[in-house]
Amino acid sequence: MPFRHQIRVRYGECDQQGVAFNAHYMAWMDDATEVWIRGLVPAGDYREFGWEWMVVRATVEWQSSARNADILDIDVGIVRYGKSSFDFGFRGSVGGRAVFTGRSVCVSVKPVELSKMETPARVRALLGEPVDWAVPA
């Protein structure tokens, strides 16, 4: 099951065309993953698994625009697992209207030292099976 995160687009996040500025989408994607994963872990600290993640590549494709005061629903789920990497997939919508799709390619790292590591089985179990979404590769 994907996780749904909601944000309200603020006036200051919109450009001169009156739509949400493109750079904000990646910040919202990052926020959605952080809220989701913290919610899966007791006390909200995923570092208790001896694990963190780093984004190594991110893509966004827009289907329409979010505007000031819109409630943007961001669904996030795992779309691919590798040995030490995994991909978050995103689908954003306003009132059921598709706004964007995105993908963050991530690598598992050890806290503090940030060296690459295999994604722990316990973390995979918490994140669940990959969802079958068409998101940019």
C-alpha atoms as a PDB file:
ATOM      1  CA  MET A   1       0.000   0.000   0.000  1.00  0.00           C
ATOM      2  CA  PRO A   2       1.364   3.420  -0.848  1.00  0.00           C
ATOM      3  CA  PHE A   3       1.595   6.114   1.785  1.00  0.00           C
ATOM      4  CA  ARG A   4      -0.321   9.356   1.197  1.00  0.00           C
ATOM      5  CA  HIS A   5       1.133  12.682   2.324  1.00  0.00           C
ATOM      6  CA  GLN A   6      -0.716  15.977   1.922  1.00  0.00           C
ATOM      7  CA  ILE A   7       0.636  19.489   1.664  1.00  0.00           C
ATOM      8  CA  ARG A   8      -1.074  22.807   1.014  1.00  0.00           C
ATOM      9  CA  VAL A   9       0.668  24.803  -1.695  1.00  0.00           C
ATOM     10  CA  ARG A  10       1.631  28.150  -0.195  1.00  0.00           C
ATOM     11  CA  TYR A  11       1.614  31.477  -2.009  1.00  0.00           C
ATOM     12  CA  GLY A  12       5.389  31.835  -1.688  1.00  0.00           C
ATOM     13  CA  GLU A  13       5.892  28.471  -3.419  1.00  0.00           C
ATOM     14  CA  CYS A  14       4.280  29.745  -6.619  1.00  0.00           C
ATOM     15  CA  ASP A  15       6.036  31.472  -9.504  1.00  0.00           C
ATOM     16  CA  GLN A  16       4.962  34.471 -11.595  1.00  0.00           C
ATOM     17  CA  GLN A  17       2.652  32.219 -13.619  1.00  0.00           C
ATOM     18  CA  GLY A  18       0.750  31.430 -10.420  1.00  0.00           C
ATOM     19  CA  VAL A  19       1.730  27.762 -10.343  1.00  0.00           C
ATOM     20  CA  ALA A  20       3.919  25.854  -7.903  1.00  0.00           C
ATOM     21  CA  PHE A  21       7.568  26.446  -8.817  1.00  0.00           C
ATOM     22  CA  ASN A  22       9.175  23.265 -10.159  1.00  0.00           C
ATOM     23  CA  ALA A  23      11.969  23.035  -7.553  1.00  0.00           C
ATOM     24  CA  HIS A  24       9.434  22.645  -4.737  1.00  0.00           C
ATOM     25  CA  TYR A  25       8.254  19.279  -6.030  1.00  0.00           C
ATOM     26  CA  MET A  26      11.518  17.572  -5.093  1.00  0.00           C
ATOM     27  CA  ALA A  27      11.390  19.097  -1.612  1.00  0.00           C
ATOM     28  CA  TRP A  28       7.809  17.807  -1.261  1.00  0.00           C
ATOM     29  CA  MET A  29       8.900  14.349  -2.463  1.00  0.00           C
ATOM     30  CA  ASP A  30      11.658  14.346   0.151  1.00  0.00           C
ATOM     31  CA  ASP A  31       9.224  15.453   2.856  1.00  0.00           C
ATOM     32  CA  ALA A  32       6.768  12.684   1.913  1.00  0.00           C
ATOM     33  CA  THR A  33       9.447   9.988   2.242  1.00  0.00           C
ATOM     34  CA  GLU A  34      10.678  11.356   5.568  1.00  0.00           C
ATOM     35  CA  VAL A  35       7.165  11.499   7.065  1.00  0.00           C
ATOM     36  CA  TRP A  36       6.341   8.005   5.767  1.00  0.00           C
ATOM     37  CA  ILE A  37       9.477   6.313   7.077  1.00  0.00           C
ATOM     38  CA  ARG A  38       9.423   8.098  10.449  1.00  0.00           C
ATOM     39  CA  GLY A  39       5.835   6.907  10.850  1.00  0.00           C
ATOM     40  CA  LEU A  40       6.892   3.278  10.339  1.00  0.00           C
ATOM     41  CA  VAL A  41       9.488   3.255  13.105  1.00  0.00           C
ATOM     42  CA  PRO A  42       8.838   3.332  16.858  1.00  0.00           C
ATOM     43  CA  ALA A  43       9.803   6.765  18.213  1.00  0.00           C
ATOM     44  CA  GLY A  44      10.272   7.918  14.606  1.00  0.00           C
ATOM     45  CA  ASP A  45      14.028   7.282  14.472  1.00  0.00           C
ATOM     46  CA  TYR A  46      14.940   5.048  11.528  1.00  0.00           C
ATOM     47  CA  ARG A  47      18.629   5.290  12.522  1.00  0.00           C
ATOM     48  CA  GLU A  48      17.860   2.680  15.194  1.00  0.00           C
ATOM     49  CA  PHE A  49      18.245   0.173  12.333  1.00  0.00           C
ATOM     50  CA  GLY A  50      21.813   1.362  11.734  1.00  0.00           C
ATOM     51  CA  TRP A  51      20.513   2.703   8.418  1.00  0.00           C
ATOM     52  CA  GLU A  52      19.887   5.890   6.494  1.00  0.00           C
ATOM     53  CA  TRP A  53      19.409   6.641   2.823  1.00  0.00           C
ATOM     54  CA  MET A  54      20.765   9.147   0.341  1.00  0.00           C
ATOM     55  CA  VAL A  55      19.202  10.246  -2.934  1.00  0.00           C
ATOM     56  CA  VAL A  56      21.554   9.735  -5.875  1.00  0.00           C
ATOM     57  CA  ARG A  57      19.158  10.616  -8.698  1.00  0.00           C
ATOM     58  CA  ALA A  58      15.699  12.171  -8.898  1.00  0.00           C
ATOM     59  CA  THR A  59      13.279  12.808 -11.754  1.00  0.00           C
ATOM     60  CA  VAL A  60       9.946  14.590 -12.003  1.00  0.00           C
ATOM     61  CA  GLU A  61       7.432  14.719 -14.850  1.00  0.00           C
ATOM     62  CA  TRP A  62       4.447  17.039 -14.761  1.00  0.00           C
ATOM     63  CA  GLN A  63       0.968  16.289 -16.040  1.00  0.00           C
ATOM     64  CA  SER A  64      -0.583  19.565 -14.831  1.00  0.00           C
ATOM     65  CA  SER A  65       0.057  22.337 -12.309  1.00  0.00           C
ATOM     66  CA  ALA A  66      -0.586  22.775  -8.613  1.00  0.00           C
ATOM     67  CA  ARG A  67      -1.568  26.325  -7.613  1.00  0.00           C
ATOM     68  CA  ASN A  68      -1.691  28.455  -4.494  1.00  0.00           C
ATOM     69  CA  ALA A  69      -3.850  26.919  -1.701  1.00  0.00           C
ATOM     70  CA  ASP A  70      -4.288  23.590  -3.535  1.00  0.00           C
ATOM     71  CA  ILE A  71      -4.123  20.480  -1.368  1.00  0.00           C
ATOM     72  CA  LEU A  72      -1.520  18.308  -3.062  1.00  0.00           C
ATOM     73  CA  ASP A  73      -1.828  14.580  -2.352  1.00  0.00           C
ATOM     74  CA  ILE A  74       1.514  12.800  -2.716  1.00  0.00           C
ATOM     75  CA  ASP A  75       1.436   9.018  -2.826  1.00  0.00           C
ATOM     76  CA  VAL A  76       4.810   7.380  -2.205  1.00  0.00           C
ATOM     77  CA  GLY A  77       5.867   3.758  -2.382  1.00  0.00           C
ATOM     78  CA  ILE A  78       8.845   1.609  -3.252  1.00  0.00           C
ATOM     79  CA  VAL A  79       8.972   0.844  -6.991  1.00  0.00           C
ATOM     80  CA  ARG A  80      12.281  -1.074  -7.120  1.00  0.00           C
ATOM     81  CA  TYR A  81      14.746  -2.806  -4.832  1.00  0.00           C
ATOM     82  CA  GLY A  82      18.401  -3.549  -5.546  1.00  0.00           C
ATOM     83  CA  LYS A  83      20.925  -4.969  -3.110  1.00  0.00           C
ATOM     84  CA  SER A  84      21.907  -1.613  -1.596  1.00  0.00           C
ATOM     85  CA  SER A  85      19.670   0.682  -3.617  1.00  0.00           C
ATOM     86  CA  PHE A  86      15.947   1.212  -3.959  1.00  0.00           C
ATOM     87  CA  ASP A  87      13.625   3.647  -5.707  1.00  0.00           C
ATOM     88  CA  PHE A  88      10.809   5.668  -4.209  1.00  0.00           C
ATOM     89  CA  GLY A  89       7.983   6.327  -6.666  1.00  0.00           C
ATOM     90  CA  PHE A  90       5.680   9.333  -6.356  1.00  0.00           C
ATOM     91  CA  ARG A  91       2.287  10.282  -7.744  1.00  0.00           C
ATOM     92  CA  GLY A  92       0.974  13.749  -6.985  1.00  0.00           C
ATOM     93  CA  SER A  93      -2.594  14.892  -7.520  1.00  0.00           C
ATOM     94  CA  VAL A  94      -5.004  17.688  -6.634  1.00  0.00           C
ATOM     95  CA  GLY A  95      -8.622  16.645  -6.217  1.00  0.00           C
ATOM     96  CA  GLY A  96      -7.955  13.469  -8.201  1.00  0.00           C
ATOM     97  CA  ARG A  97      -6.319  15.376 -11.100  1.00  0.00           C
ATOM     98  CA  ALA A  98      -2.829  14.072 -11.913  1.00  0.00           C
ATOM     99  CA  VAL A  99      -0.181  16.747 -11.278  1.00  0.00           C
ATOM    100  CA  PHE A 100       3.179  14.926 -11.321  1.00  0.00           C
ATOM    101  CA  THR A 101       4.995  11.624 -11.148  1.00  0.00           C
ATOM    102  CA  GLY A 102       8.497  11.233  -9.776  1.00  0.00           C
ATOM    103  CA  ARG A 103      11.208   8.828  -8.790  1.00  0.00           C
ATOM    104  CA  SER A 104      14.086   9.062  -6.328  1.00  0.00           C
ATOM    105  CA  VAL A 105      16.871   6.527  -6.749  1.00  0.00           C
ATOM    106  CA  CYS A 106      18.400   6.010  -3.314  1.00  0.00           C
ATOM    107  CA  VAL A 107      21.268   4.116  -1.750  1.00  0.00           C
ATOM    108  CA  SER A 108      21.341   2.706   1.774  1.00  0.00           C
ATOM    109  CA  VAL A 109      24.131   4.114   3.946  1.00  0.00           C
ATOM    110  CA  LYS A 110      25.438   3.688   7.471  1.00  0.00           C
ATOM    111  CA  PRO A 111      24.554   6.615   9.752  1.00  0.00           C
ATOM    112  CA  VAL A 112      27.279   9.219  10.378  1.00  0.00           C
ATOM    113  CA  GLU A 113      29.964   7.656   8.162  1.00  0.00           C
ATOM    114  CA  LEU A 114      27.577   7.503   5.155  1.00  0.00           C
ATOM    115  CA  SER A 115      29.272   4.483   3.589  1.00  0.00           C
ATOM    116  CA  LYS A 116      27.161   2.338   1.265  1.00  0.00           C
ATOM    117  CA  MET A 117      25.555  -0.750   2.779  1.00  0.00           C
ATOM    118  CA  GLU A 118      23.050  -3.430   1.893  1.00  0.00           C
ATOM    119  CA  THR A 119      19.476  -2.412   2.703  1.00  0.00           C
ATOM    120  CA  PRO A 120      18.594  -4.292   5.924  1.00  0.00           C
ATOM    121  CA  ALA A 121      15.873  -6.954   5.645  1.00  0.00           C
ATOM    122  CA  ARG A 122      14.028  -5.259   8.523  1.00  0.00           C
ATOM    123  CA  VAL A 123      13.881  -1.993   6.558  1.00  0.00           C
ATOM    124  CA  ARG A 124      12.644  -3.783   3.412  1.00  0.00           C
ATOM    125  CA  ALA A 125       9.943  -5.455   5.485  1.00  0.00           C
ATOM    126  CA  LEU A 126       8.793  -2.072   6.823  1.00  0.00           C
ATOM    127  CA  LEU A 127       8.792  -0.424   3.379  1.00  0.00           C
ATOM    128  CA  GLY A 128       6.907  -3.335   1.860  1.00  0.00           C
ATOM    129  CA  GLU A 129       6.699  -4.860  -1.568  1.00  0.00           C
ATOM    130  CA  PRO A 130       7.211  -2.667  -4.626  1.00  0.00           C
ATOM    131  CA  VAL A 131       4.137  -0.989  -6.080  1.00  0.00           C
ATOM    132  CA  ASP A 132       3.503  -1.291  -9.806  1.00  0.00           C
ATOM    133  CA  TRP A 133       3.449   2.327 -10.935  1.00  0.00           C
ATOM    134  CA  ALA A 134       4.472   3.978 -14.159  1.00  0.00           C
ATOM    135  CA  VAL A 135       6.929   6.609 -12.904  1.00  0.00           C
ATOM    136  CA  PRO A 136       9.856   8.168 -14.781  1.00  0.00           C
ATOM    137  CA  ALA A 137      12.952   6.005 -14.837  1.00  0.00           C
END
